N, C-alpha and C. Protein backbone atom coordinates (compact mmCIF):
# COMPACT_ATOMS: atom_id res chain seq x y z
N MET A 1 -1.13 -30.39 82.71
CA MET A 1 -1.81 -31.65 82.57
C MET A 1 -0.96 -32.75 81.93
N LYS A 2 -1.12 -33.97 82.28
CA LYS A 2 -0.32 -35.05 81.80
C LYS A 2 -1.10 -35.90 80.88
N HIS A 3 -0.34 -36.58 79.96
CA HIS A 3 -0.95 -37.44 79.00
C HIS A 3 -0.10 -38.77 78.97
N THR A 4 -0.79 -39.92 79.15
CA THR A 4 -0.07 -41.15 79.22
C THR A 4 -0.21 -41.88 77.82
N LEU A 5 0.89 -42.31 77.33
CA LEU A 5 0.93 -43.02 76.01
C LEU A 5 1.36 -44.46 76.29
N PHE A 6 0.65 -45.40 75.71
CA PHE A 6 1.05 -46.82 75.77
C PHE A 6 1.62 -47.19 74.43
N ILE A 7 2.78 -47.85 74.50
CA ILE A 7 3.60 -48.10 73.30
C ILE A 7 3.74 -49.71 73.16
N LYS A 8 3.38 -50.20 71.98
CA LYS A 8 3.59 -51.67 71.74
C LYS A 8 4.98 -51.85 71.20
N ASN A 9 5.53 -53.04 71.58
CA ASN A 9 6.83 -53.47 71.18
C ASN A 9 8.01 -52.75 71.89
N MET A 10 7.78 -52.04 72.92
CA MET A 10 8.74 -51.33 73.71
C MET A 10 9.21 -52.27 74.81
N VAL A 11 10.20 -53.05 74.55
CA VAL A 11 10.49 -54.21 75.45
C VAL A 11 11.93 -54.20 76.10
N CYS A 12 12.69 -53.12 75.80
CA CYS A 12 14.02 -53.07 76.38
C CYS A 12 14.49 -51.64 76.56
N ASN A 13 15.63 -51.46 77.18
CA ASN A 13 16.16 -50.20 77.48
C ASN A 13 16.55 -49.39 76.12
N ARG A 14 16.99 -50.12 75.18
CA ARG A 14 17.27 -49.53 73.88
C ARG A 14 16.06 -48.92 73.25
N CYS A 15 14.90 -49.68 73.41
CA CYS A 15 13.61 -49.15 72.98
C CYS A 15 13.23 -47.89 73.64
N LYS A 16 13.47 -47.84 74.97
CA LYS A 16 13.14 -46.61 75.74
C LYS A 16 13.98 -45.43 75.20
N MET A 17 15.23 -45.67 74.99
CA MET A 17 16.18 -44.62 74.52
C MET A 17 15.73 -44.13 73.14
N SER A 18 15.37 -45.00 72.21
CA SER A 18 14.91 -44.65 70.89
C SER A 18 13.68 -43.77 70.94
N ILE A 19 12.72 -44.15 71.75
CA ILE A 19 11.48 -43.43 71.81
C ILE A 19 11.73 -42.12 72.58
N LEU A 20 12.52 -42.11 73.62
CA LEU A 20 12.82 -40.91 74.28
C LEU A 20 13.50 -39.85 73.36
N LYS A 21 14.38 -40.35 72.53
CA LYS A 21 15.05 -39.46 71.60
C LYS A 21 13.98 -38.88 70.61
N LEU A 22 13.12 -39.74 70.09
CA LEU A 22 12.06 -39.29 69.22
C LEU A 22 11.19 -38.24 69.85
N LEU A 23 10.78 -38.52 71.10
CA LEU A 23 9.95 -37.55 71.80
C LEU A 23 10.68 -36.18 71.98
N ASN A 24 11.92 -36.25 72.38
CA ASN A 24 12.72 -35.00 72.60
C ASN A 24 12.88 -34.32 71.32
N ASP A 25 13.17 -35.02 70.18
CA ASP A 25 13.35 -34.36 68.87
C ASP A 25 12.08 -33.66 68.42
N GLU A 26 10.95 -34.23 68.84
CA GLU A 26 9.65 -33.65 68.41
C GLU A 26 9.09 -32.65 69.42
N GLY A 27 9.85 -32.31 70.42
CA GLY A 27 9.45 -31.22 71.33
C GLY A 27 8.55 -31.67 72.47
N PHE A 28 8.35 -32.93 72.74
CA PHE A 28 7.54 -33.44 73.82
C PHE A 28 8.31 -33.28 75.10
N GLU A 29 7.64 -32.92 76.16
CA GLU A 29 8.33 -32.88 77.50
C GLU A 29 7.88 -34.17 78.30
N VAL A 30 8.90 -35.06 78.46
CA VAL A 30 8.66 -36.35 79.08
C VAL A 30 8.70 -36.25 80.61
N GLU A 31 7.67 -36.69 81.18
CA GLU A 31 7.59 -36.73 82.72
C GLU A 31 8.19 -37.99 83.25
N ALA A 32 7.81 -39.12 82.52
CA ALA A 32 8.26 -40.49 83.00
C ALA A 32 8.23 -41.38 81.81
N ILE A 33 9.20 -42.37 81.88
CA ILE A 33 9.21 -43.38 80.81
C ILE A 33 9.51 -44.73 81.42
N GLN A 34 8.65 -45.67 81.10
CA GLN A 34 8.84 -47.03 81.54
C GLN A 34 8.66 -47.93 80.26
N LEU A 35 8.98 -49.13 80.40
CA LEU A 35 8.72 -50.07 79.25
C LEU A 35 7.24 -50.09 79.00
N GLY A 36 6.90 -49.74 77.73
CA GLY A 36 5.44 -49.77 77.34
C GLY A 36 4.65 -48.57 77.74
N LYS A 37 5.18 -47.64 78.45
CA LYS A 37 4.36 -46.53 79.04
C LYS A 37 5.19 -45.23 79.19
N ILE A 38 4.61 -44.20 78.59
CA ILE A 38 5.30 -42.94 78.67
C ILE A 38 4.28 -41.86 79.15
N THR A 39 4.79 -40.99 80.09
CA THR A 39 3.92 -39.85 80.50
C THR A 39 4.56 -38.58 80.02
N VAL A 40 3.79 -37.82 79.28
CA VAL A 40 4.28 -36.49 78.78
C VAL A 40 3.38 -35.35 79.28
N LYS A 41 3.99 -34.15 79.37
CA LYS A 41 3.19 -32.99 79.68
C LYS A 41 2.38 -32.60 78.49
N GLU A 42 1.14 -32.35 78.70
CA GLU A 42 0.28 -31.92 77.57
C GLU A 42 0.70 -30.62 77.10
N ASN A 43 0.77 -30.51 75.79
CA ASN A 43 1.20 -29.25 75.10
C ASN A 43 0.49 -29.16 73.81
N PRO A 44 -0.25 -28.05 73.56
CA PRO A 44 -1.00 -27.94 72.26
C PRO A 44 -0.12 -27.94 71.02
N ASN A 45 1.19 -27.77 71.20
CA ASN A 45 2.07 -27.73 70.05
C ASN A 45 2.51 -29.19 69.68
N ASN A 46 2.27 -30.15 70.51
CA ASN A 46 2.71 -31.55 70.27
C ASN A 46 1.86 -32.08 69.11
N ASP A 47 2.57 -32.63 68.15
CA ASP A 47 1.92 -33.25 66.93
C ASP A 47 1.92 -34.76 67.12
N TYR A 48 0.77 -35.24 67.67
CA TYR A 48 0.70 -36.67 67.97
C TYR A 48 0.66 -37.52 66.68
N LEU A 49 0.04 -37.01 65.59
CA LEU A 49 0.00 -37.73 64.37
C LEU A 49 1.38 -37.94 63.79
N LYS A 50 2.21 -36.92 63.79
CA LYS A 50 3.62 -37.02 63.33
C LYS A 50 4.36 -37.97 64.22
N PHE A 51 4.19 -37.89 65.53
CA PHE A 51 4.84 -38.74 66.46
C PHE A 51 4.53 -40.22 66.19
N GLU A 52 3.19 -40.44 66.00
CA GLU A 52 2.74 -41.85 65.74
C GLU A 52 3.35 -42.38 64.44
N LYS A 53 3.42 -41.54 63.42
CA LYS A 53 3.97 -41.99 62.17
C LYS A 53 5.51 -42.33 62.31
N ASN A 54 6.24 -41.47 63.00
CA ASN A 54 7.62 -41.72 63.21
C ASN A 54 7.85 -42.92 64.14
N LEU A 55 6.98 -43.14 65.15
CA LEU A 55 7.02 -44.17 66.02
C LEU A 55 6.86 -45.52 65.23
N ASN A 56 5.85 -45.54 64.34
CA ASN A 56 5.64 -46.74 63.48
C ASN A 56 6.80 -47.02 62.62
N GLU A 57 7.49 -46.07 62.10
CA GLU A 57 8.68 -46.29 61.28
C GLU A 57 9.81 -46.89 62.03
N LEU A 58 9.83 -46.74 63.39
CA LEU A 58 10.80 -47.34 64.23
C LEU A 58 10.42 -48.72 64.63
N GLY A 59 9.21 -49.16 64.28
CA GLY A 59 8.78 -50.51 64.62
C GLY A 59 7.93 -50.57 65.88
N PHE A 60 7.48 -49.46 66.38
CA PHE A 60 6.66 -49.36 67.57
C PHE A 60 5.24 -49.01 67.14
N GLU A 61 4.30 -49.09 68.11
CA GLU A 61 2.96 -48.75 67.79
C GLU A 61 2.29 -48.09 68.96
N LEU A 62 1.58 -47.04 68.78
CA LEU A 62 0.84 -46.32 69.78
C LEU A 62 -0.42 -47.15 70.04
N ILE A 63 -0.70 -47.47 71.27
CA ILE A 63 -1.88 -48.28 71.59
C ILE A 63 -2.98 -47.40 72.13
N LYS A 64 -4.10 -47.46 71.42
CA LYS A 64 -5.23 -46.61 71.88
C LYS A 64 -6.33 -47.36 72.54
N ASP A 65 -6.45 -48.66 72.22
CA ASP A 65 -7.47 -49.57 72.81
C ASP A 65 -7.04 -49.99 74.24
N PRO A 66 -7.88 -49.67 75.24
CA PRO A 66 -7.53 -50.04 76.61
C PRO A 66 -7.22 -51.50 76.84
N THR A 67 -7.93 -52.40 76.14
CA THR A 67 -7.66 -53.82 76.29
C THR A 67 -6.27 -54.09 75.74
N LYS A 68 -5.89 -53.63 74.59
CA LYS A 68 -4.59 -53.90 74.05
C LYS A 68 -3.52 -53.25 74.95
N ALA A 69 -3.81 -52.08 75.52
CA ALA A 69 -2.87 -51.49 76.51
C ALA A 69 -2.63 -52.42 77.65
N LEU A 70 -3.71 -52.97 78.21
CA LEU A 70 -3.55 -53.90 79.32
C LEU A 70 -2.74 -55.11 78.93
N VAL A 71 -2.96 -55.69 77.79
CA VAL A 71 -2.17 -56.85 77.36
C VAL A 71 -0.73 -56.49 77.20
N GLU A 72 -0.47 -55.33 76.65
CA GLU A 72 0.98 -54.84 76.52
C GLU A 72 1.64 -54.63 77.85
N LYS A 73 0.84 -54.11 78.86
CA LYS A 73 1.37 -53.98 80.15
C LYS A 73 1.71 -55.33 80.77
N ILE A 74 0.91 -56.31 80.55
CA ILE A 74 1.15 -57.71 81.04
C ILE A 74 2.40 -58.23 80.41
N LYS A 75 2.56 -58.08 79.10
CA LYS A 75 3.76 -58.58 78.39
C LYS A 75 5.03 -57.87 78.98
N VAL A 76 4.98 -56.55 79.09
CA VAL A 76 6.14 -55.84 79.57
C VAL A 76 6.50 -56.23 80.94
N ASN A 77 5.48 -56.46 81.80
CA ASN A 77 5.72 -56.91 83.19
C ASN A 77 6.45 -58.28 83.20
N LEU A 78 5.94 -59.23 82.37
CA LEU A 78 6.57 -60.54 82.34
C LEU A 78 7.97 -60.49 81.79
N ILE A 79 8.16 -59.68 80.76
CA ILE A 79 9.50 -59.57 80.13
C ILE A 79 10.51 -58.92 81.23
N GLU A 80 10.05 -57.96 81.94
CA GLU A 80 10.93 -57.37 82.95
C GLU A 80 11.35 -58.41 84.01
N HIS A 81 10.36 -59.24 84.41
CA HIS A 81 10.71 -60.30 85.38
C HIS A 81 11.67 -61.32 84.76
N ILE A 82 11.50 -61.71 83.57
CA ILE A 82 12.44 -62.68 82.88
C ILE A 82 13.81 -62.07 82.82
N GLU A 83 13.89 -60.77 82.42
CA GLU A 83 15.21 -60.12 82.37
C GLU A 83 15.93 -59.98 83.67
N LYS A 84 15.14 -59.87 84.72
CA LYS A 84 15.75 -59.84 86.11
C LYS A 84 16.00 -61.16 86.75
N ASN A 85 15.65 -62.24 85.94
CA ASN A 85 15.68 -63.63 86.52
C ASN A 85 14.80 -63.76 87.71
N ASP A 86 13.68 -63.04 87.73
CA ASP A 86 12.68 -63.17 88.81
C ASP A 86 11.46 -63.85 88.23
N THR A 87 11.58 -65.19 88.15
CA THR A 87 10.47 -65.93 87.54
C THR A 87 9.78 -66.82 88.53
N ASN A 88 10.06 -66.65 89.84
CA ASN A 88 9.45 -67.39 90.87
C ASN A 88 8.06 -66.92 91.14
N VAL A 89 7.03 -67.72 90.93
CA VAL A 89 5.60 -67.46 91.12
C VAL A 89 5.23 -66.11 90.53
N ILE A 90 5.74 -65.73 89.43
CA ILE A 90 5.46 -64.49 88.79
C ILE A 90 3.95 -64.33 88.37
N LEU A 91 3.43 -65.42 87.92
CA LEU A 91 1.96 -65.32 87.50
C LEU A 91 1.13 -64.95 88.71
N ALA A 92 1.47 -65.43 89.85
CA ALA A 92 0.71 -65.09 91.07
C ALA A 92 0.95 -63.57 91.45
N LYS A 93 2.17 -63.07 91.17
CA LYS A 93 2.49 -61.71 91.47
C LYS A 93 1.75 -60.68 90.59
N LEU A 94 1.40 -61.17 89.38
CA LEU A 94 0.80 -60.26 88.38
C LEU A 94 -0.41 -59.61 88.90
N GLU A 95 -1.21 -60.32 89.65
CA GLU A 95 -2.50 -59.76 90.17
C GLU A 95 -2.19 -58.46 91.02
N SER A 96 -1.24 -58.53 91.86
CA SER A 96 -0.96 -57.36 92.77
C SER A 96 -0.23 -56.25 91.96
N GLU A 97 0.64 -56.69 90.99
CA GLU A 97 1.39 -55.63 90.25
C GLU A 97 0.55 -54.95 89.28
N MET A 98 -0.51 -55.64 88.71
CA MET A 98 -1.35 -55.04 87.68
C MET A 98 -2.60 -54.40 88.25
N GLY A 99 -2.93 -54.75 89.49
CA GLY A 99 -4.15 -54.21 90.12
C GLY A 99 -5.43 -54.72 89.66
N LYS A 100 -5.40 -55.89 89.04
CA LYS A 100 -6.60 -56.62 88.57
C LYS A 100 -6.52 -58.06 88.93
N SER A 101 -7.66 -58.70 89.02
CA SER A 101 -7.66 -60.12 89.41
C SER A 101 -6.93 -60.93 88.33
N TYR A 102 -6.36 -62.04 88.80
CA TYR A 102 -5.62 -62.87 87.80
C TYR A 102 -6.58 -63.41 86.74
N SER A 103 -7.79 -63.77 87.11
CA SER A 103 -8.74 -64.33 86.11
C SER A 103 -9.05 -63.28 85.03
N ILE A 104 -9.16 -62.05 85.39
CA ILE A 104 -9.43 -61.03 84.37
C ILE A 104 -8.25 -60.81 83.47
N LEU A 105 -7.03 -60.77 84.09
CA LEU A 105 -5.83 -60.59 83.31
C LEU A 105 -5.66 -61.83 82.34
N SER A 106 -5.91 -63.03 82.82
CA SER A 106 -5.78 -64.22 82.06
C SER A 106 -6.74 -64.27 80.90
N LYS A 107 -7.98 -64.00 81.15
CA LYS A 107 -9.00 -64.03 80.11
C LYS A 107 -8.80 -62.94 79.07
N THR A 108 -8.44 -61.75 79.54
CA THR A 108 -8.15 -60.65 78.58
C THR A 108 -7.00 -61.04 77.70
N PHE A 109 -5.91 -61.54 78.28
CA PHE A 109 -4.73 -61.89 77.55
C PHE A 109 -5.07 -62.95 76.51
N SER A 110 -5.71 -64.02 76.94
CA SER A 110 -6.00 -65.21 76.08
C SER A 110 -6.91 -64.75 74.89
N LYS A 111 -7.91 -63.92 75.19
CA LYS A 111 -8.81 -63.42 74.15
C LYS A 111 -8.09 -62.59 73.14
N SER A 112 -7.24 -61.78 73.59
CA SER A 112 -6.53 -60.81 72.70
C SER A 112 -5.42 -61.51 71.91
N GLU A 113 -4.64 -62.42 72.55
CA GLU A 113 -3.44 -62.98 71.92
C GLU A 113 -3.62 -64.36 71.37
N GLY A 114 -4.75 -65.06 71.69
CA GLY A 114 -4.97 -66.40 71.15
C GLY A 114 -4.08 -67.42 71.78
N ILE A 115 -3.54 -67.14 72.97
CA ILE A 115 -2.60 -67.99 73.68
C ILE A 115 -2.86 -67.75 75.18
N THR A 116 -2.71 -68.75 75.99
CA THR A 116 -2.90 -68.50 77.43
C THR A 116 -1.70 -67.75 77.97
N LEU A 117 -1.96 -67.06 79.06
CA LEU A 117 -0.90 -66.34 79.75
C LEU A 117 0.20 -67.25 80.19
N GLU A 118 -0.09 -68.44 80.68
CA GLU A 118 0.88 -69.37 81.13
C GLU A 118 1.75 -69.85 79.97
N LYS A 119 1.13 -70.13 78.80
CA LYS A 119 1.89 -70.62 77.67
C LYS A 119 2.84 -69.49 77.13
N TYR A 120 2.27 -68.25 77.15
CA TYR A 120 3.14 -67.11 76.75
C TYR A 120 4.35 -66.95 77.68
N PHE A 121 4.14 -67.09 78.97
CA PHE A 121 5.23 -66.98 79.98
C PHE A 121 6.30 -68.16 79.75
N ILE A 122 5.75 -69.34 79.48
CA ILE A 122 6.72 -70.41 79.12
C ILE A 122 7.50 -70.13 77.89
N ASN A 123 6.88 -69.60 76.87
CA ASN A 123 7.62 -69.26 75.65
C ASN A 123 8.67 -68.19 75.89
N LEU A 124 8.34 -67.19 76.79
CA LEU A 124 9.37 -66.22 77.14
C LEU A 124 10.57 -66.88 77.88
N LYS A 125 10.22 -67.79 78.74
CA LYS A 125 11.35 -68.51 79.48
C LYS A 125 12.20 -69.29 78.57
N ILE A 126 11.58 -69.95 77.59
CA ILE A 126 12.33 -70.77 76.64
C ILE A 126 13.25 -69.92 75.77
N GLU A 127 12.78 -68.70 75.41
CA GLU A 127 13.65 -67.74 74.68
C GLU A 127 14.86 -67.37 75.50
N LYS A 128 14.64 -67.19 76.83
CA LYS A 128 15.74 -66.90 77.75
C LYS A 128 16.66 -68.06 77.82
N VAL A 129 16.16 -69.31 77.82
CA VAL A 129 17.00 -70.46 77.83
C VAL A 129 17.86 -70.51 76.59
N LYS A 130 17.29 -70.24 75.45
CA LYS A 130 18.09 -70.15 74.20
C LYS A 130 19.17 -69.16 74.30
N GLU A 131 18.91 -67.99 74.89
CA GLU A 131 19.94 -66.98 75.11
C GLU A 131 21.06 -67.48 76.02
N TYR A 132 20.70 -68.16 77.08
CA TYR A 132 21.74 -68.73 77.96
C TYR A 132 22.60 -69.76 77.29
N ILE A 133 21.89 -70.62 76.51
CA ILE A 133 22.67 -71.68 75.77
C ILE A 133 23.61 -71.03 74.85
N GLN A 134 23.17 -70.03 74.10
CA GLN A 134 24.07 -69.42 73.07
C GLN A 134 25.24 -68.66 73.72
N LEU A 135 25.00 -68.13 74.91
CA LEU A 135 26.09 -67.35 75.63
C LEU A 135 27.10 -68.38 76.23
N GLN A 136 26.68 -69.60 76.44
CA GLN A 136 27.54 -70.64 77.00
C GLN A 136 28.20 -70.30 78.33
N GLU A 137 27.48 -69.53 79.14
CA GLU A 137 28.00 -69.20 80.43
C GLU A 137 27.47 -70.11 81.61
N LEU A 138 26.33 -70.78 81.38
CA LEU A 138 25.79 -71.62 82.35
C LEU A 138 25.58 -72.97 81.80
N ASN A 139 25.63 -73.95 82.66
CA ASN A 139 25.26 -75.30 82.22
C ASN A 139 23.73 -75.49 82.37
N PHE A 140 23.18 -76.64 81.93
CA PHE A 140 21.73 -76.77 81.87
C PHE A 140 21.15 -76.64 83.29
N SER A 141 21.76 -77.24 84.26
CA SER A 141 21.27 -77.25 85.63
C SER A 141 21.21 -75.78 86.22
N GLU A 142 22.28 -75.02 85.87
CA GLU A 142 22.32 -73.66 86.33
C GLU A 142 21.24 -72.77 85.62
N ILE A 143 20.98 -73.06 84.35
CA ILE A 143 19.92 -72.38 83.62
C ILE A 143 18.60 -72.66 84.26
N ALA A 144 18.38 -73.98 84.52
CA ALA A 144 17.07 -74.33 85.18
C ALA A 144 16.90 -73.68 86.52
N TYR A 145 17.97 -73.61 87.31
CA TYR A 145 17.93 -73.00 88.62
C TYR A 145 17.63 -71.54 88.44
N SER A 146 18.32 -70.86 87.52
CA SER A 146 18.16 -69.38 87.36
C SER A 146 16.74 -69.02 86.98
N LEU A 147 16.08 -69.92 86.28
CA LEU A 147 14.66 -69.66 85.87
C LEU A 147 13.61 -70.31 86.75
N ASN A 148 14.07 -70.77 87.93
CA ASN A 148 13.20 -71.36 88.95
C ASN A 148 12.43 -72.61 88.47
N TYR A 149 13.08 -73.48 87.66
CA TYR A 149 12.56 -74.73 87.43
C TYR A 149 12.89 -75.64 88.48
N LYS A 150 12.00 -76.70 88.77
CA LYS A 150 12.23 -77.55 89.91
C LYS A 150 13.63 -78.36 89.63
N ASN A 151 13.88 -78.68 88.39
CA ASN A 151 15.09 -79.41 88.03
C ASN A 151 15.31 -79.24 86.58
N SER A 152 16.51 -79.68 86.15
CA SER A 152 16.85 -79.50 84.76
C SER A 152 16.04 -80.45 83.86
N SER A 153 15.51 -81.57 84.35
CA SER A 153 14.68 -82.47 83.58
C SER A 153 13.37 -81.80 83.17
N HIS A 154 12.80 -81.10 84.14
CA HIS A 154 11.51 -80.37 83.87
C HIS A 154 11.79 -79.34 82.79
N LEU A 155 12.88 -78.57 82.87
CA LEU A 155 13.25 -77.63 81.83
C LEU A 155 13.47 -78.30 80.48
N ALA A 156 14.19 -79.36 80.47
CA ALA A 156 14.52 -80.09 79.24
C ALA A 156 13.28 -80.55 78.56
N LYS A 157 12.35 -81.08 79.31
CA LYS A 157 11.04 -81.53 78.77
C LYS A 157 10.28 -80.41 78.15
N GLN A 158 10.18 -79.28 78.89
CA GLN A 158 9.47 -78.10 78.39
C GLN A 158 10.15 -77.47 77.17
N PHE A 159 11.47 -77.46 77.16
CA PHE A 159 12.20 -76.93 76.03
C PHE A 159 11.92 -77.77 74.77
N LYS A 160 11.94 -79.05 74.90
CA LYS A 160 11.68 -79.99 73.76
C LYS A 160 10.16 -79.77 73.26
N GLN A 161 9.28 -79.65 74.25
CA GLN A 161 7.89 -79.47 73.84
C GLN A 161 7.66 -78.24 73.08
N VAL A 162 8.32 -77.11 73.42
CA VAL A 162 8.18 -75.90 72.78
C VAL A 162 8.94 -75.74 71.48
N THR A 163 10.20 -76.21 71.45
CA THR A 163 11.06 -76.02 70.28
C THR A 163 11.12 -77.23 69.33
N GLY A 164 10.73 -78.42 69.82
CA GLY A 164 10.82 -79.60 69.02
C GLY A 164 12.21 -80.24 69.00
N MET A 165 13.12 -79.72 69.81
CA MET A 165 14.42 -80.32 69.86
C MET A 165 14.95 -80.25 71.34
N SER A 166 15.90 -81.05 71.60
CA SER A 166 16.50 -81.06 72.94
C SER A 166 17.40 -79.88 73.14
N MET A 167 17.73 -79.52 74.36
CA MET A 167 18.64 -78.48 74.61
C MET A 167 20.03 -78.79 74.09
N THR A 168 20.39 -80.04 74.23
CA THR A 168 21.73 -80.46 73.73
C THR A 168 21.76 -80.30 72.19
N ASP A 169 20.72 -80.65 71.51
CA ASP A 169 20.68 -80.57 70.04
C ASP A 169 20.77 -79.06 69.70
N PHE A 170 19.96 -78.24 70.43
CA PHE A 170 20.02 -76.81 70.15
C PHE A 170 21.46 -76.28 70.32
N LYS A 171 22.10 -76.65 71.39
CA LYS A 171 23.47 -76.21 71.67
C LYS A 171 24.42 -76.63 70.63
N ASN A 172 24.31 -77.92 70.21
CA ASN A 172 25.29 -78.49 69.18
C ASN A 172 25.05 -77.90 67.83
N LEU A 173 23.80 -77.58 67.49
CA LEU A 173 23.50 -76.97 66.15
C LEU A 173 24.03 -75.53 66.04
N GLN A 174 24.13 -74.90 67.16
CA GLN A 174 24.67 -73.54 67.18
C GLN A 174 23.90 -72.64 66.15
N ILE A 175 22.57 -72.80 66.17
CA ILE A 175 21.79 -71.97 65.24
C ILE A 175 21.27 -70.79 66.04
N ASP A 176 20.93 -69.75 65.26
CA ASP A 176 20.47 -68.49 65.81
C ASP A 176 18.96 -68.45 65.45
N ASN A 177 18.12 -69.11 66.14
CA ASN A 177 16.68 -69.03 65.86
C ASN A 177 15.91 -68.49 67.02
N ARG A 178 16.52 -67.53 67.71
CA ARG A 178 15.83 -66.87 68.78
C ARG A 178 14.85 -65.88 68.23
N LYS A 179 13.75 -65.68 68.92
CA LYS A 179 12.74 -64.72 68.51
C LYS A 179 12.93 -63.46 69.32
N PRO A 180 12.72 -62.31 68.72
CA PRO A 180 12.71 -61.06 69.48
C PRO A 180 11.61 -61.13 70.48
N LEU A 181 11.74 -60.53 71.61
CA LEU A 181 10.75 -60.64 72.62
C LEU A 181 9.42 -60.09 72.25
N ASP A 182 9.40 -59.05 71.36
CA ASP A 182 8.11 -58.49 70.97
C ASP A 182 7.40 -59.37 69.96
N GLU A 183 8.03 -60.43 69.50
CA GLU A 183 7.37 -61.34 68.50
C GLU A 183 6.96 -62.64 69.10
N ILE A 184 7.14 -62.85 70.44
CA ILE A 184 6.74 -64.13 71.04
C ILE A 184 5.24 -64.19 71.23
N VAL A 185 4.75 -65.29 70.83
CA VAL A 185 3.27 -65.53 70.97
C VAL A 185 3.14 -66.93 71.55
């Protein structure tokens, strides 16, 4: 028999490796691991309370509430698309990828997080823009193109709206005020 665990704050491959190591160290037999979701073989010897305690110490959280699990799945899905630079009409893709209507996903997300799904997605993209600016590998037009903005002016306006500063000011200040992806709201 299989048991599916949903994990909050599991947003990158390093997170997967940390949790996989923890599971292996504690004797769990892992069937599958994805961002935010792990399937393990059920075993009466598995100590879920100990696993949850150790998981929390690493900065992760076991999600037991189905609504919170759905919200975490939405976040992981959007983060994966951002990391792949696949931001073209992603909100429309969510419906098919999550198996629920967009209106249900949007309402559930907004109610749980206190922010609209669209605003959250914009905040994710702006964090990606900050990363690109800090890496200094792309110019502003290339950044806009890579994140599927219509033009760099649209990106610049949205960046200033979210951060309170222009992209040029952010670049010139060379400050490190990026947020970890699991802390974006």
